[in-house]
Protein backbone atom coordinates (compact mmCIF):
# COMPACT_ATOMS: atom_id res chain seq x y z
CA MET A 1 29.77 50.83 64.35
CA LYS A 2 32.60 51.63 61.98
CA ARG A 3 36.25 51.61 63.05
CA LEU A 4 37.99 54.96 62.66
CA PHE A 5 41.29 53.32 61.73
CA PRO A 6 41.89 49.95 60.24
CA LEU A 7 43.57 47.35 62.45
CA SER A 8 46.67 47.30 60.29
CA SER A 9 47.12 51.07 60.76
CA ARG A 10 46.85 50.79 64.54
CA ARG A 11 49.56 48.16 64.56
CA ASN A 12 51.99 50.48 62.77
CA THR A 13 51.42 53.47 65.14
CA GLN A 14 54.67 54.38 67.10
CA GLN A 15 54.31 53.47 70.77
CA GLY A 16 57.73 54.81 72.17
CA LEU A 17 61.38 55.69 71.43
CA SER A 18 63.58 53.48 69.43
CA LEU A 19 67.02 52.45 70.71
CA ILE A 20 68.76 54.71 68.21
CA GLU A 21 66.69 57.73 69.24
CA LEU A 22 67.44 57.02 72.91
CA MET A 23 71.18 56.77 72.25
CA VAL A 24 71.16 60.05 70.29
CA ALA A 25 69.33 61.80 73.15
CA MET A 26 71.80 60.41 75.69
CA LEU A 27 74.74 61.57 73.54
CA ILE A 28 73.34 65.10 73.29
CA GLY A 29 72.75 65.18 77.05
CA LEU A 30 76.29 63.94 77.69
CA PHE A 31 77.75 66.77 75.60
CA LEU A 32 75.64 69.28 77.52
CA ILE A 33 76.80 67.86 80.87
CA LEU A 34 80.44 67.96 79.76
CA GLY A 35 80.08 71.59 78.68
CA VAL A 36 78.49 72.65 81.95
CA THR A 37 81.11 70.72 83.94
CA GLN A 38 83.95 72.39 82.04
CA ILE A 39 82.46 75.83 82.67
CA PHE A 40 82.19 75.00 86.38
CA ILE A 41 85.82 73.82 86.55
CA ASN A 42 87.09 76.91 84.72
CA ASN A 43 85.12 79.22 87.02
CA GLN A 44 86.43 77.40 90.07
CA LYS A 45 90.04 77.68 88.88
CA SER A 46 89.54 81.37 88.11
CA TYR A 47 88.08 81.91 91.58
CA LEU A 48 90.97 80.08 93.28
CA PHE A 49 93.49 82.04 91.20
CA GLN A 50 91.92 85.35 92.17
CA GLN A 51 91.76 84.29 95.83
CA GLY A 52 95.43 83.33 95.73
CA GLN A 53 96.38 86.70 94.30
CA VAL A 54 94.29 88.57 96.86
CA GLY A 55 95.78 86.51 99.69
CA ASN A 56 99.32 87.25 98.52
CA GLN A 57 98.58 90.97 98.22
CA GLU A 58 97.08 91.14 101.70
CA ASN A 59 99.89 89.13 103.29
CA GLY A 60 102.47 91.12 101.34
CA ARG A 61 101.10 94.42 102.60
CA PHE A 62 101.06 93.03 106.12
CA VAL A 63 104.70 91.89 105.85
CA LEU A 64 105.81 95.34 104.72
CA SER A 65 103.76 96.96 107.49
CA VAL A 66 105.24 94.72 110.20
CA LEU A 67 108.85 95.14 109.07
CA GLN A 68 108.41 98.89 108.64
CA GLN A 69 106.79 99.18 112.06
CA GLU A 70 109.52 97.29 113.92
CA LEU A 71 112.44 98.83 112.04
CA SER A 72 111.05 102.32 112.60
CA LYS A 73 111.41 101.70 116.35
CA ALA A 74 115.07 100.71 116.06
CA GLY A 75 117.36 103.32 117.53
CA TYR A 76 114.70 105.25 119.44
CA ARG A 77 116.14 106.84 122.59
CA SER A 78 114.21 108.48 125.40
CA ASN A 79 117.13 110.88 125.73
CA PRO A 80 118.51 111.69 122.26
CA ALA A 81 121.71 113.05 123.77
CA THR A 82 122.55 109.70 125.39
CA ALA A 83 123.98 107.01 123.14
CA PHE A 84 123.21 103.31 123.41
CA PRO A 85 125.92 101.46 125.32
CA ALA A 86 127.39 98.22 124.00
CA SER A 87 125.22 95.27 125.00
CA SER A 88 124.05 91.82 123.95
CA GLY A 89 120.83 89.84 123.84
CA LEU A 90 119.09 87.05 121.92
CA GLY A 91 122.47 85.89 120.67
CA CYS A 92 123.32 89.29 119.16
CA THR A 93 126.12 91.62 120.20
CA PHE A 94 125.38 95.33 119.77
CA PRO A 95 128.35 97.68 119.44
CA GLU A 96 128.03 101.05 121.11
CA ASP A 97 125.18 103.13 119.66
CA ALA A 98 124.20 100.39 117.18
CA ALA A 99 120.46 99.93 116.67
CA VAL A 100 120.46 96.99 114.23
CA VAL A 101 122.81 94.01 114.07
CA ALA A 102 122.82 91.62 111.11
CA VAL A 103 122.65 87.94 112.02
CA SER A 104 122.40 86.64 108.44
CA ASN A 105 120.59 87.43 105.21
CA ILE A 106 117.38 86.07 106.77
CA ALA A 107 117.66 87.39 110.35
CA PHE A 108 118.61 90.51 112.30
CA CYS A 109 118.35 91.92 115.82
CA LEU A 110 117.22 95.42 116.75
CA ARG A 111 116.93 97.42 119.93
CA TYR A 112 115.13 100.54 121.07
CA GLN A 113 113.99 102.23 124.23
CA ALA A 114 110.35 102.11 125.20
CA ALA A 115 108.67 105.45 124.58
CA ASN A 116 105.81 105.11 127.07
CA LYS A 117 104.07 102.68 129.38
CA SER A 118 101.72 101.42 126.65
CA ASP A 119 104.50 100.29 124.31
CA VAL A 120 104.28 96.71 123.02
CA ASN A 121 106.91 94.51 121.41
CA CYS A 122 106.69 92.73 118.05
CA GLN A 123 104.54 90.02 119.62
CA GLY A 124 102.02 92.55 120.89
CA ALA A 125 103.06 91.91 124.50
CA ALA A 126 103.10 94.82 126.95
CA LEU A 127 106.13 95.87 128.98
CA SER A 128 106.67 94.23 132.32
CA SER A 129 105.34 96.01 135.40
CA ALA A 130 108.87 96.91 136.46
CA ASN A 131 109.65 98.46 133.09
CA GLN A 132 106.38 100.37 133.06
CA ASP A 133 107.10 101.77 136.54
CA ALA A 134 110.53 102.91 135.33
CA ILE A 135 108.97 105.20 132.70
CA THR A 136 107.78 108.54 134.03
CA LEU A 137 108.29 110.90 131.07
CA PRO A 138 108.89 110.34 127.36
CA TYR A 139 112.14 112.31 127.56
CA GLN A 140 114.26 112.49 130.68
CA LYS A 141 117.67 114.08 130.73
CA GLY A 142 120.31 111.61 131.80
CA VAL A 143 117.76 108.78 132.16
CA MET A 144 117.33 105.91 129.68
CA ASN A 145 114.01 104.13 129.43
CA PRO A 146 113.97 100.29 129.43
CA VAL A 147 115.62 98.79 126.34
CA VAL A 148 113.66 96.33 124.19
CA ILE A 149 115.59 93.81 122.05
CA GLU A 150 113.88 91.89 119.25
CA LYS A 151 115.02 89.32 116.70
CA ILE A 152 113.26 89.08 113.33
CA GLU A 153 113.98 85.98 111.24
CA PHE A 154 112.62 83.78 108.47
CA ASP A 155 111.79 80.14 109.20
CA ALA A 156 111.76 78.07 106.02
CA ASN A 157 110.32 75.04 107.82
CA THR A 158 107.07 76.85 108.65
CA SER A 159 107.19 79.37 105.76
CA SER A 160 106.79 82.21 108.23
CA ILE A 161 108.46 85.28 109.69
CA ILE A 162 109.15 84.86 113.39
CA CYS A 163 109.71 87.45 116.10
CA THR A 164 111.63 86.62 119.26
CA SER A 165 111.46 88.91 122.26
CA GLY A 166 112.56 87.81 125.68
CA ALA A 167 112.18 84.05 126.10
CA SER A 168 109.34 83.51 123.62
CA SER A 169 108.97 83.40 119.85
CA GLN A 170 105.88 83.96 117.75
CA GLN A 171 104.92 83.74 114.09
CA LEU A 172 104.11 87.14 112.61
CA VAL A 173 103.26 86.25 109.00
CA THR A 174 102.73 82.90 107.27
CA GLY A 175 102.65 82.02 103.59
CA VAL A 176 106.20 83.32 103.01
CA ALA A 177 108.22 81.25 100.53
CA GLY A 178 111.39 83.30 100.91
CA LEU A 179 112.84 86.36 102.63
CA ARG A 180 116.13 88.17 102.11
CA PHE A 181 117.58 91.12 104.02
CA GLU A 182 120.24 93.46 102.67
CA TYR A 183 121.89 95.88 105.06
CA GLY A 184 123.01 99.36 104.06
CA SER A 185 126.06 100.40 106.03
CA GLY A 186 128.58 103.20 106.11
CA ALA A 187 130.87 105.20 108.36
CA ALA A 188 129.10 106.27 111.55
CA ASP A 189 130.49 109.80 111.48
CA LEU A 190 129.29 110.42 107.90
CA LYS A 191 125.77 108.99 108.29
CA VAL A 192 125.66 107.82 104.69
CA ILE A 193 125.23 104.42 103.06
CA SER A 194 128.25 103.26 101.12
CA ALA A 195 127.00 99.76 100.19
CA TYR A 196 124.28 97.17 100.69
CA SER A 197 125.27 93.65 101.68
CA PRO A 198 123.40 90.52 102.82
CA ASN A 199 126.13 89.83 105.37
CA PRO A 200 127.97 93.02 106.35
CA ALA A 201 131.28 92.53 108.07
CA ALA A 202 131.29 93.30 111.78
CA SER A 203 133.05 96.62 112.32
CA THR A 204 133.09 99.31 114.97
CA THR A 205 133.36 102.03 112.33
CA ASP A 206 130.61 100.92 109.93
CA VAL A 207 127.04 100.82 111.24
CA ILE A 208 123.81 99.65 109.63
CA SER A 209 121.87 102.68 108.48
CA ALA A 210 119.14 100.98 106.43
CA VAL A 211 117.57 97.57 105.90
CA ARG A 212 116.28 96.50 102.50
CA TYR A 213 114.00 93.48 102.37
CA THR A 214 112.58 91.33 99.59
CA VAL A 215 109.78 88.87 100.36
CA LEU A 216 108.43 86.09 98.15
CA MET A 217 104.80 85.40 99.02
CA GLN A 218 103.18 82.05 98.20
CA SER A 219 99.46 81.42 98.02
CA PRO A 220 97.99 78.74 100.29
CA GLY A 221 96.10 75.69 99.11
CA THR A 222 96.85 72.86 96.73
CA ALA A 223 99.32 73.05 93.88
CA SER A 224 96.69 73.44 91.15
CA LEU A 225 96.14 77.16 90.84
CA ARG A 226 98.17 77.75 87.68
CA GLU A 227 97.69 76.05 84.36
CA GLY A 228 100.35 75.08 81.88
CA ALA A 229 104.07 74.59 82.23
CA ASN A 230 105.05 78.28 82.23
CA PRO A 231 107.06 79.08 85.38
CA SER A 232 105.99 81.85 87.71
CA ALA A 233 107.61 85.16 86.74
CA ALA A 234 107.96 86.16 90.41
CA LEU A 235 109.61 82.85 91.32
CA THR A 236 111.93 83.07 88.32
CA GLU A 237 113.04 86.56 89.32
CA TRP A 238 113.58 85.39 92.89
CA ASN A 239 115.77 82.47 91.78
CA ASN A 240 117.75 84.71 89.42
CA ARG A 241 118.42 87.29 92.14
CA PHE A 242 119.09 85.09 95.15
CA ASN A 243 119.81 81.70 93.59
CA PRO A 244 118.15 79.52 96.20
CA ASP A 245 116.67 77.35 93.42
CA LEU A 246 113.20 77.18 94.94
CA ALA A 247 110.99 74.60 93.24
CA ASP A 248 107.87 75.79 91.44
CA THR A 249 104.83 74.20 93.11
CA ASN A 250 102.41 75.64 90.54
CA GLN A 251 101.02 78.07 93.10
CA ILE A 252 100.66 81.85 92.91
CA TYR A 253 103.79 83.84 93.83
CA GLN A 254 104.31 87.55 94.36
CA LEU A 255 107.37 89.65 95.22
CA VAL A 256 107.14 92.58 97.64
CA GLN A 257 110.04 94.87 98.52
CA GLY A 258 110.78 97.73 100.85
CA THR A 259 113.54 99.73 102.51
CA THR A 260 113.57 101.31 105.95
CA MET A 261 116.08 103.88 107.15
CA ILE A 262 117.25 103.45 110.72
CA ARG A 263 116.47 106.26 113.13
CA ASN A 264 119.33 108.72 113.85
CA ARG A 265 121.52 107.10 111.18
CA MET A 266 120.90 109.27 108.13
CA GLN A 267 121.47 112.96 107.56
């Protein structure tokens, strides 16, 4: 029986991969793994960036809604012909017929009369049973419904807006890096705004007719959402306008602004 291949030929036949071929294959695989990993990291950063923006937009809209809702109540009277008497509460002193009192550029107090039995305060709490029993009609000549006093303020320690009503306080919105109030005031008899100020001087002739608010929202999560050394445009504008010199934590920032006119204060 003849051999198909000589013995010397069989000895030279390749039986596996050489070390060089194996190293080349490993190098190619490593480059492929690095490419896939980089794509994954970039997609993850893009996703976190988009989530941060969406979170800021949602929280920003909620902030504006809450402030608008509470300030729109300020100055409501069950009997429009009866003025608010001078009073105090939550550390604020209200002059006669005043609906909003400035505490500082990050806090104010407001008061209004409950419109009906189902009214709730800024914390979502219902009126007490006694106050509900005192309300019979939305408008009653010579009768004033129960007065609700609220305090809205910014707490930098918790990065949140807090509402105080009665003896309790509650966070309304979190993820707030900064908040500034500016109060539009003018002569009560003219019902016009002569100037905006973060700390209006207490006066019996000038009353707050509008509240302007600027909120700096900050995305949650770790400080790795933005790439590069470029500062946030929103944070830069905030620091230029209010000069609090907030540090850039490389997160996503967004500015939201609004103005609310106080009931019965504008012509």
